[in-house]
N, C-alpha and C. Protein backbone atom coordinates (compact mmCIF):
# COMPACT_ATOMS: atom_id res chain seq x y z
N MET A 1 -19.13 -44.04 -46.40
CA MET A 1 -19.14 -43.44 -45.08
C MET A 1 -19.62 -42.00 -45.17
N LYS A 2 -20.25 -41.55 -44.10
CA LYS A 2 -20.73 -40.17 -44.00
C LYS A 2 -19.91 -39.47 -42.91
N ASN A 3 -19.64 -38.20 -43.12
CA ASN A 3 -18.87 -37.42 -42.16
C ASN A 3 -19.79 -36.54 -41.33
N ILE A 4 -19.58 -36.59 -40.01
CA ILE A 4 -20.37 -35.80 -39.07
C ILE A 4 -19.42 -34.87 -38.30
N GLN A 5 -19.68 -33.58 -38.39
CA GLN A 5 -18.90 -32.62 -37.61
C GLN A 5 -19.60 -32.40 -36.27
N VAL A 6 -18.82 -32.48 -35.20
CA VAL A 6 -19.36 -32.34 -33.86
C VAL A 6 -18.94 -30.97 -33.32
N ILE A 7 -19.94 -30.20 -32.89
CA ILE A 7 -19.70 -28.86 -32.36
C ILE A 7 -20.39 -28.76 -31.01
N ASP A 8 -19.63 -28.29 -30.02
CA ASP A 8 -20.25 -28.06 -28.72
C ASP A 8 -19.97 -26.63 -28.27
N GLY A 9 -20.56 -26.26 -27.17
CA GLY A 9 -20.45 -24.89 -26.70
C GLY A 9 -19.20 -24.60 -25.89
N ALA A 10 -18.31 -25.55 -25.75
CA ALA A 10 -17.11 -25.36 -24.94
C ALA A 10 -16.11 -24.42 -25.61
N LEU A 11 -15.37 -23.68 -24.80
CA LEU A 11 -14.34 -22.79 -25.34
C LEU A 11 -13.25 -23.57 -26.07
N ASN A 12 -13.03 -24.83 -25.67
CA ASN A 12 -12.00 -25.64 -26.30
C ASN A 12 -12.57 -26.61 -27.34
N CYS A 13 -13.70 -26.29 -27.90
CA CYS A 13 -14.32 -27.13 -28.93
C CYS A 13 -13.35 -27.29 -30.09
N THR A 14 -13.19 -28.52 -30.58
CA THR A 14 -12.25 -28.78 -31.67
C THR A 14 -12.93 -28.90 -33.03
N PHE A 15 -14.26 -28.87 -33.09
CA PHE A 15 -15.00 -28.99 -34.34
C PHE A 15 -14.59 -30.26 -35.09
N SER A 16 -14.42 -31.33 -34.34
CA SER A 16 -13.93 -32.59 -34.89
C SER A 16 -14.93 -33.23 -35.84
N ILE A 17 -14.40 -34.07 -36.72
CA ILE A 17 -15.22 -34.80 -37.69
C ILE A 17 -15.04 -36.29 -37.44
N PHE A 18 -16.15 -37.00 -37.48
CA PHE A 18 -16.15 -38.45 -37.28
C PHE A 18 -16.90 -39.10 -38.43
N GLN A 19 -16.54 -40.35 -38.73
CA GLN A 19 -17.21 -41.07 -39.81
C GLN A 19 -18.28 -42.01 -39.28
N ALA A 20 -19.38 -42.07 -40.02
CA ALA A 20 -20.50 -42.95 -39.69
C ALA A 20 -20.86 -43.75 -40.93
N THR A 21 -21.29 -44.97 -40.72
CA THR A 21 -21.81 -45.74 -41.86
C THR A 21 -23.14 -45.11 -42.28
N GLU A 22 -23.62 -45.49 -43.43
CA GLU A 22 -24.93 -45.00 -43.90
C GLU A 22 -26.01 -45.33 -42.88
N GLU A 23 -25.96 -46.54 -42.33
CA GLU A 23 -26.97 -46.98 -41.37
C GLU A 23 -26.89 -46.17 -40.07
N GLU A 24 -25.67 -45.93 -39.59
CA GLU A 24 -25.50 -45.14 -38.37
C GLU A 24 -25.98 -43.71 -38.58
N PHE A 25 -25.64 -43.14 -39.72
CA PHE A 25 -26.07 -41.78 -40.03
C PHE A 25 -27.60 -41.70 -40.03
N ALA A 26 -28.24 -42.68 -40.65
CA ALA A 26 -29.71 -42.70 -40.72
C ALA A 26 -30.35 -42.80 -39.33
N LEU A 27 -29.68 -43.48 -38.40
CA LEU A 27 -30.19 -43.55 -37.02
C LEU A 27 -30.16 -42.19 -36.35
N LEU A 28 -29.07 -41.45 -36.55
CA LEU A 28 -28.88 -40.17 -35.87
C LEU A 28 -29.59 -39.01 -36.57
N PHE A 29 -29.74 -39.11 -37.88
CA PHE A 29 -30.37 -38.06 -38.69
C PHE A 29 -31.53 -38.69 -39.46
N PRO A 30 -32.62 -39.04 -38.77
CA PRO A 30 -33.66 -39.87 -39.38
C PRO A 30 -34.61 -39.18 -40.35
N GLU A 31 -34.69 -37.86 -40.31
CA GLU A 31 -35.65 -37.17 -41.17
C GLU A 31 -35.09 -36.99 -42.58
N THR A 32 -35.97 -36.88 -43.56
CA THR A 32 -35.57 -36.68 -44.94
C THR A 32 -34.72 -35.42 -45.06
N ARG A 33 -33.57 -35.53 -45.65
CA ARG A 33 -32.62 -34.44 -45.90
C ARG A 33 -32.08 -33.78 -44.63
N GLN A 34 -32.32 -34.41 -43.49
CA GLN A 34 -31.82 -33.84 -42.23
C GLN A 34 -30.30 -33.87 -42.22
N ASP A 35 -29.67 -32.73 -41.88
CA ASP A 35 -28.22 -32.69 -41.77
C ASP A 35 -27.76 -31.98 -40.49
N ILE A 36 -28.71 -31.68 -39.61
CA ILE A 36 -28.39 -31.10 -38.31
C ILE A 36 -29.13 -31.91 -37.24
N GLN A 37 -28.40 -32.22 -36.16
CA GLN A 37 -29.02 -32.93 -35.04
C GLN A 37 -28.51 -32.31 -33.75
N TYR A 38 -29.37 -32.24 -32.77
CA TYR A 38 -29.02 -31.75 -31.44
C TYR A 38 -28.83 -32.96 -30.54
N ALA A 39 -27.70 -33.01 -29.84
CA ALA A 39 -27.41 -34.15 -28.98
C ALA A 39 -28.53 -34.38 -27.98
N GLU A 40 -29.13 -33.29 -27.51
CA GLU A 40 -30.20 -33.40 -26.53
C GLU A 40 -31.43 -34.10 -27.12
N ASP A 41 -31.58 -34.10 -28.43
CA ASP A 41 -32.71 -34.76 -29.08
C ASP A 41 -32.44 -36.24 -29.36
N LEU A 42 -31.19 -36.67 -29.23
CA LEU A 42 -30.88 -38.07 -29.51
C LEU A 42 -31.66 -38.99 -28.57
N ALA A 43 -31.89 -38.56 -27.34
CA ALA A 43 -32.63 -39.38 -26.37
C ALA A 43 -34.09 -39.56 -26.77
N LEU A 44 -34.58 -38.74 -27.67
CA LEU A 44 -35.97 -38.83 -28.12
C LEU A 44 -36.15 -39.78 -29.30
N LEU A 45 -35.04 -40.21 -29.87
CA LEU A 45 -35.12 -41.07 -31.05
C LEU A 45 -35.51 -42.49 -30.66
N PRO A 46 -36.19 -43.19 -31.56
CA PRO A 46 -36.50 -44.60 -31.30
C PRO A 46 -35.21 -45.43 -31.38
N ARG A 47 -35.29 -46.65 -30.96
CA ARG A 47 -34.16 -47.59 -31.07
C ARG A 47 -32.94 -47.08 -30.29
N GLN A 48 -33.17 -46.68 -29.04
CA GLN A 48 -32.13 -46.07 -28.22
C GLN A 48 -30.88 -46.93 -28.08
N GLU A 49 -31.04 -48.22 -27.92
CA GLU A 49 -29.85 -49.08 -27.79
C GLU A 49 -29.00 -49.01 -29.05
N GLU A 50 -29.64 -48.99 -30.21
CA GLU A 50 -28.90 -48.90 -31.47
C GLU A 50 -28.25 -47.53 -31.63
N VAL A 51 -28.94 -46.48 -31.22
CA VAL A 51 -28.38 -45.12 -31.29
C VAL A 51 -27.12 -45.04 -30.43
N GLU A 52 -27.20 -45.52 -29.20
CA GLU A 52 -26.05 -45.48 -28.30
C GLU A 52 -24.89 -46.32 -28.82
N ALA A 53 -25.19 -47.49 -29.36
CA ALA A 53 -24.13 -48.33 -29.92
C ALA A 53 -23.49 -47.66 -31.13
N ALA A 54 -24.31 -47.04 -31.97
CA ALA A 54 -23.79 -46.34 -33.15
C ALA A 54 -22.87 -45.21 -32.74
N LEU A 55 -23.27 -44.43 -31.73
CA LEU A 55 -22.42 -43.34 -31.25
C LEU A 55 -21.08 -43.87 -30.75
N GLY A 56 -21.11 -44.98 -30.04
CA GLY A 56 -19.87 -45.58 -29.55
C GLY A 56 -18.93 -45.94 -30.69
N ARG A 57 -19.47 -46.47 -31.76
CA ARG A 57 -18.63 -46.82 -32.92
C ARG A 57 -18.14 -45.57 -33.64
N ILE A 58 -19.02 -44.58 -33.79
CA ILE A 58 -18.66 -43.35 -34.50
C ILE A 58 -17.50 -42.64 -33.80
N TRP A 59 -17.53 -42.58 -32.45
CA TRP A 59 -16.45 -41.90 -31.71
C TRP A 59 -15.10 -42.56 -31.96
N GLU A 60 -15.10 -43.80 -32.40
CA GLU A 60 -13.85 -44.51 -32.69
C GLU A 60 -13.36 -44.27 -34.12
N ARG A 61 -14.07 -43.42 -34.88
CA ARG A 61 -13.70 -43.17 -36.28
C ARG A 61 -13.49 -41.68 -36.55
N PRO A 62 -12.56 -41.05 -35.85
CA PRO A 62 -12.28 -39.65 -36.19
C PRO A 62 -11.58 -39.58 -37.54
N ILE A 63 -11.72 -38.46 -38.21
CA ILE A 63 -11.04 -38.26 -39.49
C ILE A 63 -10.49 -36.83 -39.50
N ARG A 64 -9.30 -36.68 -40.05
CA ARG A 64 -8.72 -35.34 -40.16
C ARG A 64 -9.54 -34.51 -41.14
N LYS A 65 -9.63 -33.24 -40.85
CA LYS A 65 -10.42 -32.36 -41.72
C LYS A 65 -9.93 -32.41 -43.16
N GLN A 66 -8.62 -32.41 -43.36
CA GLN A 66 -8.09 -32.41 -44.73
C GLN A 66 -8.36 -33.72 -45.46
N ASP A 67 -8.70 -34.78 -44.73
CA ASP A 67 -9.00 -36.07 -45.35
C ASP A 67 -10.50 -36.28 -45.59
N ALA A 68 -11.31 -35.45 -44.98
CA ALA A 68 -12.77 -35.58 -45.12
C ALA A 68 -13.22 -35.05 -46.47
N LEU A 69 -14.03 -35.80 -47.15
CA LEU A 69 -14.58 -35.37 -48.44
C LEU A 69 -15.98 -34.83 -48.20
N GLY A 70 -16.04 -33.68 -47.55
CA GLY A 70 -17.32 -33.06 -47.27
C GLY A 70 -17.83 -33.39 -45.88
N ILE A 71 -18.83 -32.64 -45.46
CA ILE A 71 -19.50 -32.85 -44.18
C ILE A 71 -20.96 -33.13 -44.48
N ASP A 72 -21.42 -34.29 -44.04
CA ASP A 72 -22.80 -34.71 -44.33
C ASP A 72 -23.78 -34.30 -43.24
N GLY A 73 -23.28 -34.12 -42.03
CA GLY A 73 -24.15 -33.76 -40.93
C GLY A 73 -23.40 -33.02 -39.85
N THR A 74 -24.14 -32.28 -39.03
CA THR A 74 -23.57 -31.56 -37.90
C THR A 74 -24.32 -31.98 -36.65
N LEU A 75 -23.56 -32.41 -35.65
CA LEU A 75 -24.12 -32.82 -34.37
C LEU A 75 -23.75 -31.75 -33.34
N LEU A 76 -24.76 -31.09 -32.79
CA LEU A 76 -24.55 -29.97 -31.87
C LEU A 76 -24.81 -30.40 -30.43
N TYR A 77 -23.85 -30.14 -29.56
CA TYR A 77 -23.97 -30.45 -28.14
C TYR A 77 -24.11 -29.15 -27.36
N GLY A 78 -25.16 -29.04 -26.56
CA GLY A 78 -25.34 -27.88 -25.71
C GLY A 78 -25.59 -26.59 -26.48
N LEU A 79 -26.09 -26.71 -27.68
CA LEU A 79 -26.32 -25.54 -28.53
C LEU A 79 -27.77 -25.48 -29.01
N GLU A 80 -28.68 -25.82 -28.11
CA GLU A 80 -30.10 -25.82 -28.48
C GLU A 80 -30.61 -24.43 -28.86
N ARG A 81 -29.85 -23.39 -28.52
CA ARG A 81 -30.27 -22.04 -28.91
C ARG A 81 -30.37 -21.89 -30.42
N TYR A 82 -29.69 -22.75 -31.17
CA TYR A 82 -29.74 -22.68 -32.63
C TYR A 82 -31.04 -23.25 -33.21
N LYS A 83 -31.85 -23.88 -32.37
CA LYS A 83 -33.13 -24.41 -32.86
C LYS A 83 -34.02 -23.31 -33.42
N THR A 84 -33.83 -22.09 -32.97
CA THR A 84 -34.58 -20.96 -33.50
C THR A 84 -34.31 -20.77 -34.98
N TYR A 85 -33.07 -21.02 -35.39
CA TYR A 85 -32.66 -20.80 -36.78
C TYR A 85 -32.81 -22.05 -37.64
N TYR A 86 -32.63 -23.21 -37.02
CA TYR A 86 -32.66 -24.48 -37.77
C TYR A 86 -33.84 -25.33 -37.30
N ARG A 87 -35.04 -24.81 -37.46
CA ARG A 87 -36.24 -25.52 -36.99
C ARG A 87 -36.43 -26.87 -37.67
N ALA A 88 -36.08 -26.94 -38.95
CA ALA A 88 -36.27 -28.18 -39.72
C ALA A 88 -35.06 -29.10 -39.65
N LYS A 89 -34.03 -28.70 -38.87
CA LYS A 89 -32.80 -29.49 -38.73
C LYS A 89 -32.13 -29.74 -40.08
N ARG A 90 -32.20 -28.72 -40.95
CA ARG A 90 -31.54 -28.78 -42.26
C ARG A 90 -30.87 -27.44 -42.52
N GLU A 91 -29.63 -27.50 -43.00
CA GLU A 91 -28.91 -26.27 -43.30
C GLU A 91 -29.64 -25.44 -44.35
N ASP A 92 -30.22 -26.10 -45.35
CA ASP A 92 -30.87 -25.36 -46.43
C ASP A 92 -32.25 -24.82 -46.05
N ALA A 93 -32.68 -25.08 -44.81
CA ALA A 93 -33.96 -24.54 -44.33
C ALA A 93 -33.73 -23.55 -43.19
N VAL A 94 -32.53 -23.01 -43.12
CA VAL A 94 -32.17 -22.06 -42.07
C VAL A 94 -33.03 -20.80 -42.17
N ASP A 95 -33.22 -20.14 -41.03
CA ASP A 95 -33.91 -18.86 -41.03
C ASP A 95 -33.11 -17.90 -41.92
N PRO A 96 -33.75 -17.27 -42.89
CA PRO A 96 -33.03 -16.39 -43.83
C PRO A 96 -32.23 -15.29 -43.15
N SER A 97 -32.64 -14.86 -41.97
CA SER A 97 -31.91 -13.79 -41.28
C SER A 97 -30.54 -14.24 -40.78
N ALA A 98 -30.29 -15.55 -40.77
CA ALA A 98 -29.04 -16.08 -40.23
C ALA A 98 -27.94 -16.22 -41.28
N VAL A 99 -28.25 -16.01 -42.55
CA VAL A 99 -27.25 -16.21 -43.60
C VAL A 99 -27.20 -15.01 -44.54
N ASN A 100 -26.13 -14.94 -45.32
CA ASN A 100 -26.00 -13.81 -46.24
C ASN A 100 -26.78 -14.06 -47.53
N GLN A 101 -26.80 -13.05 -48.38
CA GLN A 101 -27.58 -13.11 -49.62
C GLN A 101 -27.16 -14.27 -50.52
N ALA A 102 -25.85 -14.50 -50.64
CA ALA A 102 -25.37 -15.60 -51.49
C ALA A 102 -25.86 -16.95 -50.97
N GLN A 103 -25.86 -17.13 -49.65
CA GLN A 103 -26.35 -18.37 -49.08
C GLN A 103 -27.86 -18.51 -49.28
N ARG A 104 -28.59 -17.41 -49.17
CA ARG A 104 -30.04 -17.48 -49.42
C ARG A 104 -30.31 -17.92 -50.85
N ARG A 105 -29.52 -17.41 -51.80
CA ARG A 105 -29.68 -17.84 -53.20
C ARG A 105 -29.34 -19.32 -53.34
N LEU A 106 -28.24 -19.74 -52.72
CA LEU A 106 -27.82 -21.15 -52.78
C LEU A 106 -28.91 -22.07 -52.25
N PHE A 107 -29.51 -21.70 -51.13
CA PHE A 107 -30.52 -22.53 -50.50
C PHE A 107 -31.92 -22.30 -51.06
N GLY A 108 -32.06 -21.34 -51.96
CA GLY A 108 -33.36 -21.05 -52.54
C GLY A 108 -34.33 -20.44 -51.56
N ILE A 109 -33.82 -19.60 -50.66
CA ILE A 109 -34.68 -18.99 -49.64
C ILE A 109 -34.64 -17.47 -49.74
N ASP A 110 -34.39 -16.94 -50.92
CA ASP A 110 -34.37 -15.47 -51.12
C ASP A 110 -35.71 -14.88 -50.72
């Protein structure tokens, strides 16, 4: 299973984590090494019926943060403003101005 953290722009956002099968994750994050997805872009993906069905199943699989073994993807709702920083929809391809020096070294973007 893959863990997806859901973040939205609401003041009461819970930063919840949900589990997805490998197949469901691949539907929502279809690009190579993609680990960021914008909810608004989900409608642009092929196989819409499968995407919607996968989301329905994923919402039924919440997991406590302390039980999650890592976060494989981040699904952002109403936060398209971050597209400026995450153009490639990958954390390791973030705009260097958005992270500190240690993160730039980690991601190889010094």
